[in-house]
Amino acid sequence: MAGILLVTANVGSLFEDPENLQNIWLREFYQTVQTQKPGFLAVHCQEVGGKNYEASMSHVGSFVTELLSSDAMKEYNRARVYLDEDYKSQEHFTALGSFYFIHESMKSIQQFDFTAKKFKKVVGKETYSEKLESTPSLEKEKFPQDYFPECKWSRKGFIRTRWALAECSFDLVNIHLFHDASNLVAWEKSPSVYSGTRQKALGYVLDRITDQRYKKIPYFVFGDFNFRLDSKQVIENLCSTASMQTVRGTDTNEVNKLIFRESDNDRKVVLQLEKKLFNYVNQDVFRENNGTSLLEFDREPSVFKDRLQELEIRFPPSYPYSEDSSQGTQYMDTRCPAWCDRVLLSAAARDLVLKPDDEDKSVVYDNIGPTACMGDHKPVFLSFRVTAGAAQPKANTHKCCAVQ
């Protein structure tokens, strides 16, 4: 039986403040690895290098070196690292980083060569960082510019790799979808215009990884989906007894700010909303009971309920946390907190994860560093075990929901 740990982490913050954040992040990450003890570990990172990639290049190198050579990872004697570092290529650059580590106890593990169309044994540690789009061991694409015309230069896209272990094969897809450019635009209608853009991009990825070019196998898609709660409905729920004041720009007459006030209680301000401000009076609503009262507004994945599954969410919204290293549980007041970072899986992949004949307490879907500052995104992980011969999973009735 082999333990598998899948981690998704938007690491942009780590390269903005490496002195403070990187050590905390690595400590919490290593602790998760030591607790879960995977034989195969996959880490999908987004925004590698941060916003100012040119200035942060050296930090990326030290981060990768630390991961590959640390004492905590010394029993992982094989590794594949794929870093999209070619930031000068606007046509291809995605800032994605995919890390795969194989424990010395794993005897038989192979990776697919998409050019030769066959699996090959994995030996040693290798890092790839140039011209990933022509590297045979992966597929990489950046979304077309017209998918998100508001952004002059978007780094969103996906990287796909294929693996075989314990007679079981699966695809792992690292994905980064488009963000909400403006809270004011997001709130205008339900669902928001940004939701539609993400839907189009995710549909494109699913079509690509299930087309006729290669054999269809179970797949795991994990990354920063940028899924947001339905802004209009969340705000109407949070501010149900408040009145709204609209503030317009003196020159443009465009809406600059919305202020929601209690109708009594001294007209107390409940929420202030601007393009990049979401200042709600009581952040506890996003933390109490892991924010699950708000899951009813997490509707974006439901469009793909016939193609993607997800285990039950029991952790708070993964974004946007404070980047202050002393504030591990505080959200920034820039966006409405949401479950942006997820591990989604095909029905066949779910059958690999969840066994019909036992409770399988080894399956864990959670975040990393719940009380530590991990940057603006908390990493999210799925840990499970597969048995030899699991390549032909049978249907099961374990509690797993199609994405809501």
Protein backbone atom coordinates (compact mmCIF):
# COMPACT_ATOMS: atom_id res chain seq x y z
CA MET A 1 0.00 0.00 0.00
CA ALA A 2 1.36 3.40 -0.97
CA GLY A 3 0.59 6.70 0.71
CA ILE A 4 -0.03 9.63 -1.63
CA LEU A 5 0.00 13.29 -0.60
CA LEU A 6 -1.24 15.96 -3.01
CA VAL A 7 -0.59 19.58 -2.01
CA THR A 8 -1.61 22.82 -3.71
CA ALA A 9 0.04 26.08 -2.67
CA ASN A 10 -0.06 29.56 -4.14
CA VAL A 11 3.40 30.67 -2.98
CA GLY A 12 3.51 34.21 -4.39
CA SER A 13 3.78 35.76 -0.91
CA LEU A 14 6.88 33.71 -0.04
CA PHE A 15 8.95 35.58 -2.59
CA GLU A 16 7.72 38.99 -1.49
CA ASP A 17 8.97 38.42 2.08
CA PRO A 18 11.26 35.36 2.03
CA GLU A 19 13.05 36.30 5.25
CA ASN A 20 9.95 35.94 7.40
CA LEU A 21 7.55 33.73 5.51
CA GLN A 22 9.64 31.04 3.85
CA ASN A 23 10.90 29.40 7.05
CA ILE A 24 7.42 29.34 8.58
CA TRP A 25 5.97 27.89 5.38
CA LEU A 26 8.63 25.18 5.11
CA ARG A 27 8.28 24.24 8.79
CA GLU A 28 4.54 23.69 8.45
CA PHE A 29 4.95 21.89 5.13
CA TYR A 30 7.58 19.49 6.50
CA GLN A 31 5.40 18.82 9.53
CA THR A 32 2.55 17.76 7.23
CA VAL A 33 4.87 15.48 5.26
CA GLN A 34 6.14 13.88 8.47
CA THR A 35 2.58 13.38 9.76
CA GLN A 36 1.18 11.91 6.55
CA LYS A 37 4.33 9.94 5.58
CA PRO A 38 3.59 9.68 1.85
CA GLY A 39 5.47 7.37 -0.49
CA PHE A 40 4.61 9.75 -3.33
CA LEU A 41 4.34 13.50 -2.79
CA ALA A 42 3.10 16.00 -5.37
CA VAL A 43 3.25 19.75 -4.69
CA HIS A 44 1.56 22.08 -7.17
CA CYS A 45 2.63 25.70 -6.76
CA GLN A 46 1.27 28.83 -8.38
CA GLU A 47 2.82 32.31 -8.63
CA VAL A 48 6.32 30.89 -8.20
CA GLY A 49 8.58 33.92 -7.92
CA GLY A 50 5.89 36.29 -6.71
CA LYS A 51 4.64 39.36 -8.52
CA ASN A 52 8.07 40.77 -9.31
CA TYR A 53 9.56 37.67 -10.85
CA GLU A 54 12.72 39.26 -12.23
CA ALA A 55 13.76 40.51 -8.80
CA SER A 56 12.80 37.28 -7.05
CA MET A 57 14.54 34.74 -9.29
CA SER A 58 17.32 34.07 -6.74
CA HIS A 59 14.74 33.34 -4.04
CA VAL A 60 13.15 30.68 -6.25
CA GLY A 61 16.49 28.90 -6.57
CA SER A 62 17.08 28.81 -2.82
CA PHE A 63 13.50 27.64 -2.17
CA VAL A 64 13.89 24.72 -4.59
CA THR A 65 17.34 23.82 -3.22
CA GLU A 66 15.95 23.77 0.30
CA LEU A 67 13.10 21.46 -0.70
CA LEU A 68 15.41 19.06 -2.52
CA SER A 69 18.19 18.89 0.07
CA SER A 70 16.57 19.40 3.48
CA ASP A 71 16.87 16.82 6.26
CA ALA A 72 13.07 16.55 6.36
CA MET A 73 13.07 15.28 2.75
CA LYS A 74 16.22 13.15 2.85
CA GLU A 75 14.31 9.87 2.49
CA TYR A 76 12.90 11.06 -0.83
CA ASN A 77 15.65 9.86 -3.14
CA ARG A 78 13.94 10.63 -6.45
CA ALA A 79 12.40 13.92 -7.53
CA ARG A 80 11.11 15.77 -10.55
CA VAL A 81 10.78 19.54 -10.44
CA TYR A 82 9.20 21.59 -13.22
CA LEU A 83 9.52 25.37 -12.92
CA ASP A 84 8.07 27.73 -15.47
CA GLU A 85 10.73 30.43 -15.17
CA ASP A 86 10.72 31.95 -18.65
CA TYR A 87 9.02 35.18 -17.62
CA LYS A 88 10.20 36.95 -20.79
CA SER A 89 7.95 34.73 -22.90
CA GLN A 90 4.53 36.35 -22.57
CA GLU A 91 3.21 33.70 -24.93
CA HIS A 92 4.06 30.80 -22.58
CA PHE A 93 4.81 32.02 -19.03
CA THR A 94 2.46 30.65 -16.32
CA ALA A 95 4.61 30.95 -13.13
CA LEU A 96 3.57 27.39 -12.24
CA GLY A 97 5.87 25.02 -10.38
CA SER A 98 5.21 21.28 -10.04
CA PHE A 99 7.29 19.26 -7.55
CA TYR A 100 7.19 15.45 -7.26
CA PHE A 101 9.05 13.48 -4.58
CA ILE A 102 9.34 9.70 -4.32
CA HIS A 103 10.24 7.95 -1.07
CA GLU A 104 13.04 5.40 -1.01
CA SER A 105 10.53 2.72 0.03
CA MET A 106 8.69 3.05 -3.30
CA LYS A 107 10.09 0.34 -5.55
CA SER A 108 8.19 0.78 -8.76
CA ILE A 109 7.19 4.19 -10.03
CA GLN A 110 7.05 5.44 -13.57
CA GLN A 111 6.31 8.71 -15.33
CA PHE A 112 4.66 9.07 -18.70
CA ASP A 113 6.49 10.43 -21.72
CA PHE A 114 3.86 12.26 -23.77
CA THR A 115 6.02 12.22 -26.91
CA ALA A 116 6.96 8.53 -26.84
CA LYS A 117 3.51 7.69 -25.42
CA LYS A 118 4.90 5.28 -22.84
CA PHE A 119 5.84 5.15 -19.16
CA LYS A 120 9.49 5.39 -18.11
CA LYS A 121 11.16 4.55 -14.82
CA VAL A 122 11.96 7.51 -12.54
CA VAL A 123 15.60 7.63 -11.41
CA GLY A 124 17.47 10.34 -9.49
CA LYS A 125 16.52 14.00 -9.03
CA GLU A 126 15.98 16.27 -12.01
CA THR A 127 14.88 19.89 -12.37
CA TYR A 128 13.45 21.34 -15.57
CA SER A 129 13.04 25.09 -15.95
CA GLU A 130 13.45 25.96 -19.62
CA LYS A 131 11.03 25.49 -22.51
CA LEU A 132 8.64 23.34 -20.51
CA GLU A 133 6.14 23.37 -23.36
CA SER A 134 8.54 21.09 -25.30
CA THR A 135 9.48 18.85 -22.33
CA PRO A 136 8.18 15.32 -23.10
CA SER A 137 7.31 14.42 -19.50
CA LEU A 138 4.56 17.04 -19.22
CA GLU A 139 1.94 19.05 -21.04
CA LYS A 140 1.83 22.78 -20.37
CA GLU A 141 -0.47 25.44 -21.75
CA LYS A 142 -1.20 29.06 -21.00
CA PHE A 143 -4.77 30.18 -21.51
CA PRO A 144 -5.37 32.33 -24.61
CA GLN A 145 -5.27 36.07 -23.94
CA ASP A 146 -8.88 36.52 -25.05
CA TYR A 147 -10.04 34.36 -22.14
CA PHE A 148 -9.42 37.24 -19.76
CA PRO A 149 -9.14 40.47 -21.79
CA GLU A 150 -9.15 42.71 -18.67
CA CYS A 151 -5.66 41.53 -17.81
CA LYS A 152 -2.96 42.68 -20.22
CA TRP A 153 -0.62 39.89 -19.23
CA SER A 154 -2.12 36.98 -17.39
CA ARG A 155 0.04 34.12 -16.13
CA LYS A 156 -2.78 31.61 -15.88
CA GLY A 157 -2.62 28.12 -17.32
CA PHE A 158 -2.00 24.47 -16.44
CA ILE A 159 0.66 21.75 -16.31
CA ARG A 160 -0.23 18.05 -16.61
CA THR A 161 1.90 15.04 -15.68
CA ARG A 162 1.02 11.32 -15.69
CA TRP A 163 2.23 8.73 -13.20
CA ALA A 164 2.04 4.99 -12.54
CA LEU A 165 2.62 3.39 -9.14
CA ALA A 166 1.37 0.25 -7.46
CA GLU A 167 -0.14 -0.80 -10.80
CA CYS A 168 -2.24 2.33 -10.65
CA SER A 169 -1.96 5.24 -13.09
CA PHE A 170 -3.35 8.77 -12.87
CA ASP A 171 -2.94 12.31 -14.18
CA LEU A 172 -1.97 15.22 -11.93
CA VAL A 173 -2.94 18.67 -13.20
CA ASN A 174 -1.54 21.89 -11.73
CA ILE A 175 -3.98 24.72 -12.50
CA HIS A 176 -4.24 28.47 -11.94
CA LEU A 177 -7.47 30.18 -13.01
CA PHE A 178 -8.39 33.86 -13.33
CA HIS A 179 -8.99 36.09 -10.30
CA ASP A 180 -11.69 38.67 -9.56
CA ALA A 181 -10.26 41.98 -10.80
CA SER A 182 -12.85 44.12 -8.97
CA ASN A 183 -15.11 43.46 -5.99
CA LEU A 184 -17.54 46.04 -7.37
CA VAL A 185 -17.86 44.20 -10.69
CA ALA A 186 -18.09 40.82 -8.94
CA TRP A 187 -21.07 42.00 -6.90
CA GLU A 188 -23.07 43.34 -9.87
CA LYS A 189 -24.76 40.08 -10.81
CA SER A 190 -25.12 36.46 -9.76
CA PRO A 191 -23.14 34.54 -10.87
CA SER A 192 -20.42 37.10 -11.56
CA VAL A 193 -18.77 37.73 -14.92
CA TYR A 194 -15.51 36.40 -13.46
CA SER A 195 -17.19 33.12 -12.57
CA GLY A 196 -18.01 32.65 -16.25
CA THR A 197 -14.38 33.27 -17.25
CA ARG A 198 -13.13 30.63 -14.82
CA GLN A 199 -15.79 28.21 -16.01
CA LYS A 200 -14.63 28.60 -19.60
CA ALA A 201 -10.96 28.03 -18.68
CA LEU A 202 -11.63 25.00 -16.47
CA GLY A 203 -13.83 23.47 -19.16
CA TYR A 204 -10.97 23.94 -21.61
CA VAL A 205 -8.55 22.07 -19.29
CA LEU A 206 -10.95 19.18 -18.68
CA ASP A 207 -11.55 18.83 -22.41
CA ARG A 208 -7.80 18.77 -23.06
CA ILE A 209 -6.98 16.11 -20.46
CA THR A 210 -9.82 13.82 -21.56
CA ASP A 211 -9.47 14.11 -25.33
CA GLN A 212 -8.56 11.25 -27.68
CA ARG A 213 -4.77 11.74 -27.79
CA TYR A 214 -3.98 9.52 -24.80
CA LYS A 215 -5.63 6.75 -22.84
CA LYS A 216 -8.24 8.09 -20.40
CA ILE A 217 -7.25 7.45 -16.77
CA PRO A 218 -8.22 8.87 -13.35
CA TYR A 219 -7.20 12.51 -12.87
CA PHE A 220 -6.62 14.92 -9.99
CA VAL A 221 -6.84 18.66 -10.68
CA PHE A 222 -5.37 20.70 -7.84
CA GLY A 223 -4.27 24.29 -7.75
CA ASP A 224 -5.55 27.83 -7.27
CA PHE A 225 -8.95 27.76 -8.99
CA ASN A 226 -9.67 31.26 -7.71
CA PHE A 227 -13.24 30.08 -7.06
CA ARG A 228 -15.10 32.83 -5.18
CA LEU A 229 -18.29 32.85 -3.21
CA ASP A 230 -21.24 34.32 -5.08
CA SER A 231 -20.52 37.94 -4.10
CA LYS A 232 -23.98 39.35 -4.68
CA GLN A 233 -25.68 36.66 -2.61
CA VAL A 234 -23.06 36.65 0.17
CA ILE A 235 -23.29 40.42 0.58
CA GLU A 236 -27.08 40.32 0.58
CA ASN A 237 -26.87 37.63 3.27
CA LEU A 238 -24.27 39.40 5.43
CA CYS A 239 -25.94 42.79 5.06
CA SER A 240 -29.59 41.71 5.05
CA THR A 241 -30.68 44.40 7.54
CA ALA A 242 -28.37 47.14 6.25
CA SER A 243 -29.00 50.02 3.88
CA MET A 244 -26.57 50.76 1.05
CA GLN A 245 -24.89 54.07 0.24
CA THR A 246 -23.25 54.49 -3.16
CA VAL A 247 -20.18 56.74 -3.46
CA ARG A 248 -19.28 57.94 -6.97
CA GLY A 249 -16.15 59.56 -8.34
CA THR A 250 -16.49 63.34 -8.75
CA ASP A 251 -14.91 63.30 -12.21
CA THR A 252 -16.16 60.06 -13.72
CA ASN A 253 -19.45 59.48 -11.86
CA GLU A 254 -18.40 55.82 -11.68
CA VAL A 255 -19.16 53.88 -8.51
CA ASN A 256 -16.04 53.95 -6.31
CA LYS A 257 -17.43 52.57 -3.07
CA LEU A 258 -20.47 50.93 -1.52
CA ILE A 259 -21.14 51.42 2.19
CA PHE A 260 -23.61 49.17 3.99
CA ARG A 261 -24.93 50.52 7.32
CA GLU A 262 -27.24 49.15 9.97
CA SER A 263 -30.60 50.90 9.81
CA ASP A 264 -30.51 51.35 13.57
CA ASN A 265 -27.62 50.77 16.03
CA ASP A 266 -26.23 54.29 15.33
CA ARG A 267 -25.99 53.52 11.62
CA LYS A 268 -22.99 51.31 12.27
CA VAL A 269 -20.99 50.41 9.10
CA VAL A 270 -21.29 46.68 8.38
CA LEU A 271 -19.37 46.46 5.10
CA GLN A 272 -17.30 48.74 2.91
CA LEU A 273 -16.79 47.55 -0.65
CA GLU A 274 -14.33 48.99 -3.17
CA LYS A 275 -12.49 47.54 -6.18
CA LYS A 276 -9.90 45.95 -3.88
CA LEU A 277 -11.53 46.40 -0.49
CA PHE A 278 -13.88 44.03 1.31
CA ASN A 279 -13.99 45.33 4.85
CA TYR A 280 -16.62 43.39 6.80
CA VAL A 281 -17.31 44.18 10.44
CA ASN A 282 -17.00 40.60 11.77
CA GLN A 283 -14.38 38.26 10.34
CA ASP A 284 -15.43 35.51 12.75
CA VAL A 285 -18.18 34.49 10.34
CA PHE A 286 -15.47 33.16 8.01
CA ARG A 287 -13.73 31.22 10.80
CA GLU A 288 -16.52 29.90 13.03
CA ASN A 289 -17.17 26.22 12.30
CA ASN A 290 -14.57 26.61 9.52
CA GLY A 291 -16.84 29.04 7.69
CA THR A 292 -19.04 26.17 6.52
CA SER A 293 -22.20 28.29 6.84
CA LEU A 294 -20.93 30.08 3.73
CA LEU A 295 -20.40 26.94 1.65
CA GLU A 296 -23.91 27.36 0.22
CA PHE A 297 -22.50 30.35 -1.70
CA ASP A 298 -19.56 28.31 -3.05
CA ARG A 299 -21.31 27.53 -6.31
CA GLU A 300 -18.72 27.76 -9.05
CA PRO A 301 -17.64 24.10 -8.99
CA SER A 302 -21.24 22.85 -9.32
CA VAL A 303 -21.16 23.54 -13.06
CA PHE A 304 -18.71 20.61 -13.32
CA LYS A 305 -20.49 18.21 -10.96
CA ASP A 306 -20.66 15.54 -13.68
CA ARG A 307 -16.89 15.70 -14.26
CA LEU A 308 -15.33 16.65 -10.93
CA GLN A 309 -15.74 15.47 -7.35
CA GLU A 310 -14.44 16.83 -4.05
CA LEU A 311 -14.22 15.50 -0.54
CA GLU A 312 -16.13 17.33 2.16
CA ILE A 313 -14.56 20.71 3.01
CA ARG A 314 -13.84 21.04 6.74
CA PHE A 315 -11.35 23.90 6.71
CA PRO A 316 -11.86 27.69 6.55
CA PRO A 317 -11.65 29.67 3.30
CA SER A 318 -8.06 29.42 2.05
CA TYR A 319 -7.70 33.04 0.85
CA PRO A 320 -6.92 35.98 1.43
CA TYR A 321 -4.96 35.59 4.66
CA SER A 322 -2.83 38.36 6.13
CA GLU A 323 0.80 38.34 4.97
CA ASP A 324 1.90 39.63 8.38
CA SER A 325 3.98 36.75 9.81
CA SER A 326 2.44 37.31 13.27
CA GLN A 327 -1.17 37.02 11.98
CA GLY A 328 -1.78 33.37 11.19
CA THR A 329 -5.59 33.35 11.24
CA GLN A 330 -6.43 36.91 10.19
CA TYR A 331 -7.89 37.63 6.76
CA MET A 332 -6.92 40.68 4.74
CA ASP A 333 -9.75 43.09 4.00
CA THR A 334 -9.09 43.01 0.25
CA ARG A 335 -11.48 40.26 -0.89
CA CYS A 336 -14.32 38.21 0.50
CA PRO A 337 -12.67 35.05 1.92
CA ALA A 338 -13.18 32.03 -0.34
CA TRP A 339 -12.03 28.46 -0.96
CA CYS A 340 -9.70 29.28 -3.87
CA ASP A 341 -7.29 26.39 -3.31
CA ARG A 342 -8.75 22.93 -3.88
CA VAL A 343 -8.09 19.32 -4.79
CA LEU A 344 -10.73 18.14 -7.27
CA LEU A 345 -10.88 14.68 -8.78
CA SER A 346 -12.59 12.66 -11.46
CA ALA A 347 -15.07 9.96 -10.43
CA ALA A 348 -12.45 7.30 -11.25
CA ALA A 349 -9.88 9.12 -9.09
CA ARG A 350 -12.38 9.31 -6.23
CA ASP A 351 -12.68 5.53 -6.41
CA LEU A 352 -8.91 5.28 -5.95
CA VAL A 353 -9.09 7.51 -2.87
CA LEU A 354 -12.15 6.12 -1.13
CA LYS A 355 -12.50 2.40 -0.49
CA PRO A 356 -16.02 0.94 -0.23
CA ASP A 357 -15.18 -1.65 2.41
CA ASP A 358 -13.77 0.41 5.28
CA GLU A 359 -14.01 3.75 7.02
CA ASP A 360 -10.52 4.61 5.74
CA LYS A 361 -9.46 7.15 8.32
CA SER A 362 -6.24 7.56 6.36
CA VAL A 363 -8.03 9.90 3.92
CA VAL A 364 -7.49 13.53 4.97
CA TYR A 365 -8.58 16.70 3.14
CA ASP A 366 -7.37 19.76 5.03
CA ASN A 367 -5.20 22.87 5.00
CA ILE A 368 -1.57 23.31 6.10
CA GLY A 369 -0.55 25.72 8.85
CA PRO A 370 -4.03 26.59 10.16
CA THR A 371 -2.64 28.96 12.81
CA ALA A 372 0.62 29.95 11.09
CA CYS A 373 1.14 32.65 8.45
CA MET A 374 1.59 30.81 5.15
CA GLY A 375 1.21 33.91 2.98
CA ASP A 376 -2.09 35.06 1.50
CA HIS A 377 -3.08 31.47 0.58
CA LYS A 378 -3.19 28.51 2.99
CA PRO A 379 -1.93 25.40 1.19
CA VAL A 380 -4.52 22.63 0.91
CA PHE A 381 -3.79 18.90 0.79
CA LEU A 382 -5.38 15.53 0.12
CA SER A 383 -3.74 12.48 1.70
CA PHE A 384 -4.80 8.90 0.90
CA ARG A 385 -3.48 5.41 0.23
CA VAL A 386 -3.68 3.18 -2.82
CA THR A 387 -3.23 -0.57 -2.92
CA ALA A 388 -1.56 -2.64 -5.60
CA GLY A 389 -4.06 -3.56 -8.29
CA ALA A 390 -6.09 -0.42 -7.68
CA ALA A 391 -6.04 0.41 -11.36
CA GLN A 392 -9.60 -0.89 -11.82
CA PRO A 393 -11.49 0.77 -8.95
CA LYS A 394 -15.03 -0.34 -8.19
CA ALA A 395 -17.85 2.02 -7.40
CA ASN A 396 -18.30 2.83 -3.74
CA THR A 397 -20.70 4.55 -1.44
CA HIS A 398 -18.25 6.36 0.86
CA LYS A 399 -19.23 9.92 1.78
CA CYS A 400 -17.90 12.05 -1.00
CA CYS A 401 -19.87 14.69 -2.74
CA ALA A 402 -19.90 15.80 -6.31
CA VAL A 403 -18.67 19.36 -6.12
CA GLN A 404 -21.45 21.49 -4.72
